Amino acid sequence: MAREQTTRRSKILAALSEQFKAIDGTGNYKSDLGNNVSPRMQFWDEIDQFPAVHMAAGSETREYYGGGNKWRFLNISLRVYVNSEDPVDELEEILEDNVN
């Protein structure tokens, strides 16, 4: 049986992955991430379609408050891969899409 926190972390990454997949180049979006988003980390040599976004859950911190209340904070690492003549411009467009 999976640990409860591990399952939650996986669900958070899966939900975040679905949000990134919505960046499809239509409407106000400049980038098309399409299905090139994964809730698991991959390395440059494993990527065959660009741009691509991959993520991994990092450390978790907790703040405890009275009455049994607590906040949990999860660090998530994102790797955004592009293959372009001007990679900085392409990365900036992806970041602008995520702000909207």
N, C-alpha and C. Protein backbone atom coordinates (compact mmCIF):
# COMPACT_ATOMS: atom_id res chain seq x y z
N MET A 1 0.84 -1.19 0.00
CA MET A 1 0.00 0.00 0.00
C MET A 1 0.88 1.25 0.00
N ALA A 2 0.54 2.21 -0.87
CA ALA A 2 1.33 3.43 -0.98
C ALA A 2 1.12 4.33 0.23
N ARG A 3 2.16 5.03 0.60
CA ARG A 3 2.03 5.99 1.69
C ARG A 3 1.11 7.12 1.26
N GLU A 4 0.35 7.64 2.18
CA GLU A 4 -0.64 8.67 1.87
C GLU A 4 0.02 9.94 1.31
N GLN A 5 1.15 10.38 1.90
CA GLN A 5 1.80 11.60 1.42
C GLN A 5 2.36 11.41 0.02
N THR A 6 2.91 10.23 -0.27
CA THR A 6 3.46 9.98 -1.59
C THR A 6 2.36 10.04 -2.64
N THR A 7 1.21 9.47 -2.32
CA THR A 7 0.08 9.50 -3.24
C THR A 7 -0.37 10.93 -3.49
N ARG A 8 -0.41 11.74 -2.45
CA ARG A 8 -0.80 13.15 -2.63
C ARG A 8 0.20 13.89 -3.50
N ARG A 9 1.47 13.65 -3.29
CA ARG A 9 2.49 14.32 -4.09
C ARG A 9 2.33 13.96 -5.56
N SER A 10 2.07 12.69 -5.84
CA SER A 10 1.86 12.24 -7.22
C SER A 10 0.63 12.90 -7.82
N LYS A 11 -0.43 13.02 -7.04
CA LYS A 11 -1.66 13.66 -7.53
C LYS A 11 -1.44 15.14 -7.79
N ILE A 12 -0.65 15.79 -6.96
CA ILE A 12 -0.34 17.21 -7.18
C ILE A 12 0.41 17.38 -8.49
N LEU A 13 1.41 16.54 -8.73
CA LEU A 13 2.17 16.62 -9.99
C LEU A 13 1.28 16.32 -11.19
N ALA A 14 0.39 15.34 -11.06
CA ALA A 14 -0.51 15.01 -12.16
C ALA A 14 -1.45 16.18 -12.47
N ALA A 15 -1.98 16.82 -11.44
CA ALA A 15 -2.87 17.97 -11.63
C ALA A 15 -2.12 19.14 -12.26
N LEU A 16 -0.91 19.40 -11.81
CA LEU A 16 -0.09 20.47 -12.37
C LEU A 16 0.23 20.18 -13.83
N SER A 17 0.51 18.93 -14.13
CA SER A 17 0.79 18.51 -15.49
C SER A 17 -0.40 18.80 -16.41
N GLU A 18 -1.60 18.52 -15.94
CA GLU A 18 -2.80 18.79 -16.73
C GLU A 18 -2.97 20.28 -16.99
N GLN A 19 -2.61 21.13 -16.02
CA GLN A 19 -2.69 22.57 -16.21
C GLN A 19 -1.72 23.04 -17.29
N PHE A 20 -0.53 22.49 -17.30
CA PHE A 20 0.45 22.85 -18.34
C PHE A 20 0.00 22.39 -19.72
N LYS A 21 -0.67 21.26 -19.80
CA LYS A 21 -1.14 20.74 -21.09
C LYS A 21 -2.17 21.67 -21.73
N ALA A 22 -2.82 22.51 -20.92
CA ALA A 22 -3.79 23.47 -21.45
C ALA A 22 -3.13 24.55 -22.29
N ILE A 23 -1.82 24.71 -22.16
CA ILE A 23 -1.09 25.69 -22.96
C ILE A 23 -0.87 25.07 -24.34
N ASP A 24 -1.80 25.35 -25.25
CA ASP A 24 -1.82 24.65 -26.53
C ASP A 24 -1.65 25.55 -27.75
N GLY A 25 -1.23 26.79 -27.53
CA GLY A 25 -1.00 27.68 -28.66
C GLY A 25 -2.24 28.40 -29.15
N THR A 26 -3.41 28.12 -28.59
CA THR A 26 -4.63 28.79 -29.02
C THR A 26 -4.92 29.97 -28.10
N GLY A 27 -5.81 30.83 -28.54
CA GLY A 27 -6.19 31.98 -27.73
C GLY A 27 -5.03 32.90 -27.47
N ASN A 28 -4.79 33.23 -26.21
CA ASN A 28 -3.71 34.14 -25.83
C ASN A 28 -2.37 33.44 -25.65
N TYR A 29 -2.33 32.12 -25.78
CA TYR A 29 -1.09 31.38 -25.58
C TYR A 29 -0.17 31.52 -26.79
N LYS A 30 1.10 31.75 -26.52
CA LYS A 30 2.11 31.85 -27.57
C LYS A 30 2.79 30.50 -27.83
N SER A 31 2.77 29.62 -26.84
CA SER A 31 3.47 28.34 -26.93
C SER A 31 2.46 27.21 -27.07
N ASP A 32 2.95 26.10 -27.61
CA ASP A 32 2.13 24.91 -27.71
C ASP A 32 2.88 23.76 -27.03
N LEU A 33 2.50 23.50 -25.77
CA LEU A 33 3.14 22.41 -25.04
C LEU A 33 2.46 21.09 -25.35
N GLY A 34 1.18 21.15 -25.73
CA GLY A 34 0.45 19.94 -26.11
C GLY A 34 0.63 18.81 -25.13
N ASN A 35 1.02 17.67 -25.64
CA ASN A 35 1.22 16.50 -24.78
C ASN A 35 2.68 16.33 -24.37
N ASN A 36 3.47 17.37 -24.53
CA ASN A 36 4.89 17.31 -24.16
C ASN A 36 5.09 17.74 -22.71
N VAL A 37 4.20 17.31 -21.85
CA VAL A 37 4.26 17.63 -20.43
C VAL A 37 4.19 16.31 -19.67
N SER A 38 5.05 16.18 -18.68
CA SER A 38 5.08 14.93 -17.92
C SER A 38 5.27 15.21 -16.43
N PRO A 39 4.55 14.47 -15.58
CA PRO A 39 4.74 14.65 -14.14
C PRO A 39 5.95 13.91 -13.60
N ARG A 40 6.84 13.48 -14.47
CA ARG A 40 8.09 12.85 -14.02
C ARG A 40 9.25 13.49 -14.77
N MET A 41 10.40 13.48 -14.12
CA MET A 41 11.59 14.12 -14.68
C MET A 41 12.17 13.28 -15.80
N GLN A 42 12.61 13.97 -16.85
CA GLN A 42 13.34 13.34 -17.94
C GLN A 42 14.55 14.21 -18.24
N PHE A 43 15.53 13.63 -18.89
CA PHE A 43 16.74 14.36 -19.22
C PHE A 43 16.77 14.70 -20.71
N TRP A 44 17.66 15.62 -21.06
CA TRP A 44 17.75 16.15 -22.42
C TRP A 44 17.80 15.06 -23.47
N ASP A 45 18.57 14.03 -23.25
CA ASP A 45 18.72 12.99 -24.27
C ASP A 45 17.48 12.09 -24.40
N GLU A 46 16.52 12.22 -23.49
CA GLU A 46 15.29 11.45 -23.56
C GLU A 46 14.15 12.20 -24.26
N ILE A 47 14.37 13.47 -24.56
CA ILE A 47 13.34 14.32 -25.14
C ILE A 47 13.44 14.27 -26.66
N ASP A 48 12.28 14.05 -27.31
CA ASP A 48 12.29 14.04 -28.77
C ASP A 48 11.35 15.07 -29.38
N GLN A 49 10.50 15.71 -28.59
CA GLN A 49 9.63 16.76 -29.09
C GLN A 49 9.78 17.98 -28.18
N PHE A 50 9.86 19.16 -28.81
CA PHE A 50 10.08 20.39 -28.07
C PHE A 50 8.97 21.38 -28.38
N PRO A 51 8.65 22.32 -27.50
CA PRO A 51 9.12 22.42 -26.13
C PRO A 51 8.51 21.33 -25.26
N ALA A 52 9.15 21.06 -24.15
CA ALA A 52 8.69 20.03 -23.23
C ALA A 52 8.86 20.51 -21.80
N VAL A 53 7.92 20.13 -20.95
CA VAL A 53 7.98 20.48 -19.52
C VAL A 53 7.90 19.19 -18.72
N HIS A 54 8.86 19.02 -17.82
CA HIS A 54 8.89 17.84 -16.95
C HIS A 54 9.11 18.31 -15.53
N MET A 55 8.56 17.58 -14.57
CA MET A 55 8.61 18.04 -13.18
C MET A 55 8.88 16.91 -12.21
N ALA A 56 9.32 17.30 -11.03
CA ALA A 56 9.57 16.33 -9.96
C ALA A 56 9.28 17.00 -8.62
N ALA A 57 8.70 16.22 -7.72
CA ALA A 57 8.42 16.72 -6.37
C ALA A 57 9.71 16.70 -5.56
N GLY A 58 9.93 17.77 -4.83
CA GLY A 58 11.13 17.86 -3.99
C GLY A 58 10.77 17.73 -2.53
N SER A 59 11.42 18.53 -1.73
CA SER A 59 11.22 18.45 -0.29
C SER A 59 9.89 19.08 0.12
N GLU A 60 9.41 18.65 1.25
CA GLU A 60 8.16 19.17 1.79
C GLU A 60 8.43 19.73 3.18
N THR A 61 7.89 20.90 3.45
CA THR A 61 8.00 21.48 4.79
C THR A 61 6.60 21.64 5.36
N ARG A 62 6.53 21.69 6.66
CA ARG A 62 5.24 21.82 7.34
C ARG A 62 5.33 22.92 8.38
N GLU A 63 4.23 23.64 8.53
CA GLU A 63 4.08 24.62 9.59
C GLU A 63 2.87 24.21 10.41
N TYR A 64 3.09 24.01 11.69
CA TYR A 64 2.02 23.55 12.57
C TYR A 64 1.41 24.74 13.31
N TYR A 65 0.10 24.73 13.38
CA TYR A 65 -0.65 25.77 14.09
C TYR A 65 -1.51 25.08 15.14
N GLY A 66 -2.08 25.86 16.03
CA GLY A 66 -2.92 25.30 17.08
C GLY A 66 -4.18 24.63 16.52
N GLY A 67 -4.78 23.81 17.34
CA GLY A 67 -6.02 23.16 16.96
C GLY A 67 -5.86 22.06 15.93
N GLY A 68 -4.65 21.52 15.78
CA GLY A 68 -4.42 20.45 14.82
C GLY A 68 -4.30 20.92 13.37
N ASN A 69 -4.22 22.23 13.16
CA ASN A 69 -4.08 22.76 11.81
C ASN A 69 -2.62 22.81 11.40
N LYS A 70 -2.37 22.55 10.12
CA LYS A 70 -1.01 22.65 9.60
C LYS A 70 -1.06 22.98 8.12
N TRP A 71 -0.03 23.64 7.66
CA TRP A 71 0.17 23.94 6.25
C TRP A 71 1.34 23.11 5.76
N ARG A 72 1.22 22.56 4.56
CA ARG A 72 2.31 21.82 3.94
C ARG A 72 2.73 22.56 2.68
N PHE A 73 4.03 22.65 2.48
CA PHE A 73 4.59 23.32 1.32
C PHE A 73 5.46 22.33 0.57
N LEU A 74 5.22 22.18 -0.71
CA LEU A 74 5.93 21.21 -1.53
C LEU A 74 6.74 21.93 -2.60
N ASN A 75 8.05 21.69 -2.62
CA ASN A 75 8.90 22.24 -3.67
C ASN A 75 8.78 21.34 -4.90
N ILE A 76 8.54 21.98 -6.04
CA ILE A 76 8.44 21.24 -7.29
C ILE A 76 9.47 21.80 -8.26
N SER A 77 10.28 20.91 -8.81
CA SER A 77 11.28 21.31 -9.80
C SER A 77 10.68 21.13 -11.19
N LEU A 78 10.82 22.18 -11.99
CA LEU A 78 10.37 22.13 -13.38
C LEU A 78 11.57 22.20 -14.30
N ARG A 79 11.57 21.36 -15.29
CA ARG A 79 12.57 21.47 -16.36
C ARG A 79 11.82 21.74 -17.64
N VAL A 80 12.18 22.85 -18.27
CA VAL A 80 11.56 23.24 -19.53
C VAL A 80 12.63 23.12 -20.60
N TYR A 81 12.38 22.25 -21.56
CA TYR A 81 13.32 21.99 -22.63
C TYR A 81 12.84 22.64 -23.92
N VAL A 82 13.73 23.38 -24.57
CA VAL A 82 13.44 23.97 -25.87
C VAL A 82 14.61 23.64 -26.80
N ASN A 83 14.34 23.68 -28.09
CA ASN A 83 15.37 23.46 -29.09
C ASN A 83 15.13 24.49 -30.18
N SER A 84 15.83 25.62 -30.06
CA SER A 84 15.55 26.75 -30.92
C SER A 84 16.84 27.52 -31.19
N GLU A 85 16.82 28.31 -32.25
CA GLU A 85 17.95 29.19 -32.54
C GLU A 85 18.11 30.23 -31.44
N ASP A 86 16.99 30.66 -30.87
CA ASP A 86 17.00 31.63 -29.78
C ASP A 86 16.23 31.06 -28.59
N PRO A 87 16.88 30.19 -27.80
CA PRO A 87 16.18 29.51 -26.72
C PRO A 87 15.66 30.44 -25.63
N VAL A 88 16.34 31.56 -25.41
CA VAL A 88 15.90 32.48 -24.36
C VAL A 88 14.53 33.07 -24.71
N ASP A 89 14.34 33.47 -25.97
CA ASP A 89 13.05 34.01 -26.38
C ASP A 89 11.94 32.97 -26.25
N GLU A 90 12.23 31.73 -26.63
CA GLU A 90 11.22 30.68 -26.53
C GLU A 90 10.86 30.39 -25.07
N LEU A 91 11.86 30.37 -24.20
CA LEU A 91 11.60 30.17 -22.77
C LEU A 91 10.79 31.32 -22.19
N GLU A 92 11.08 32.55 -22.61
CA GLU A 92 10.32 33.70 -22.13
C GLU A 92 8.86 33.61 -22.54
N GLU A 93 8.59 33.14 -23.76
CA GLU A 93 7.20 32.99 -24.20
C GLU A 93 6.47 31.95 -23.36
N ILE A 94 7.14 30.85 -23.03
CA ILE A 94 6.52 29.81 -22.19
C ILE A 94 6.23 30.37 -20.81
N LEU A 95 7.17 31.14 -20.25
CA LEU A 95 6.95 31.74 -18.93
C LEU A 95 5.82 32.75 -18.95
N GLU A 96 5.71 33.53 -20.03
CA GLU A 96 4.61 34.48 -20.14
C GLU A 96 3.28 33.76 -20.23
N ASP A 97 3.23 32.63 -20.92
CA ASP A 97 2.00 31.84 -20.99
C ASP A 97 1.58 31.35 -19.62
N ASN A 98 2.51 31.00 -18.78
CA ASN A 98 2.18 30.47 -17.45
C ASN A 98 1.72 31.54 -16.50
N VAL A 99 2.04 32.79 -16.78
CA VAL A 99 1.60 33.88 -15.91
C VAL A 99 0.13 34.16 -16.14
N ASN A 100 -0.34 33.96 -17.36
CA ASN A 100 -1.74 34.30 -17.70
C ASN A 100 -2.71 33.46 -16.99
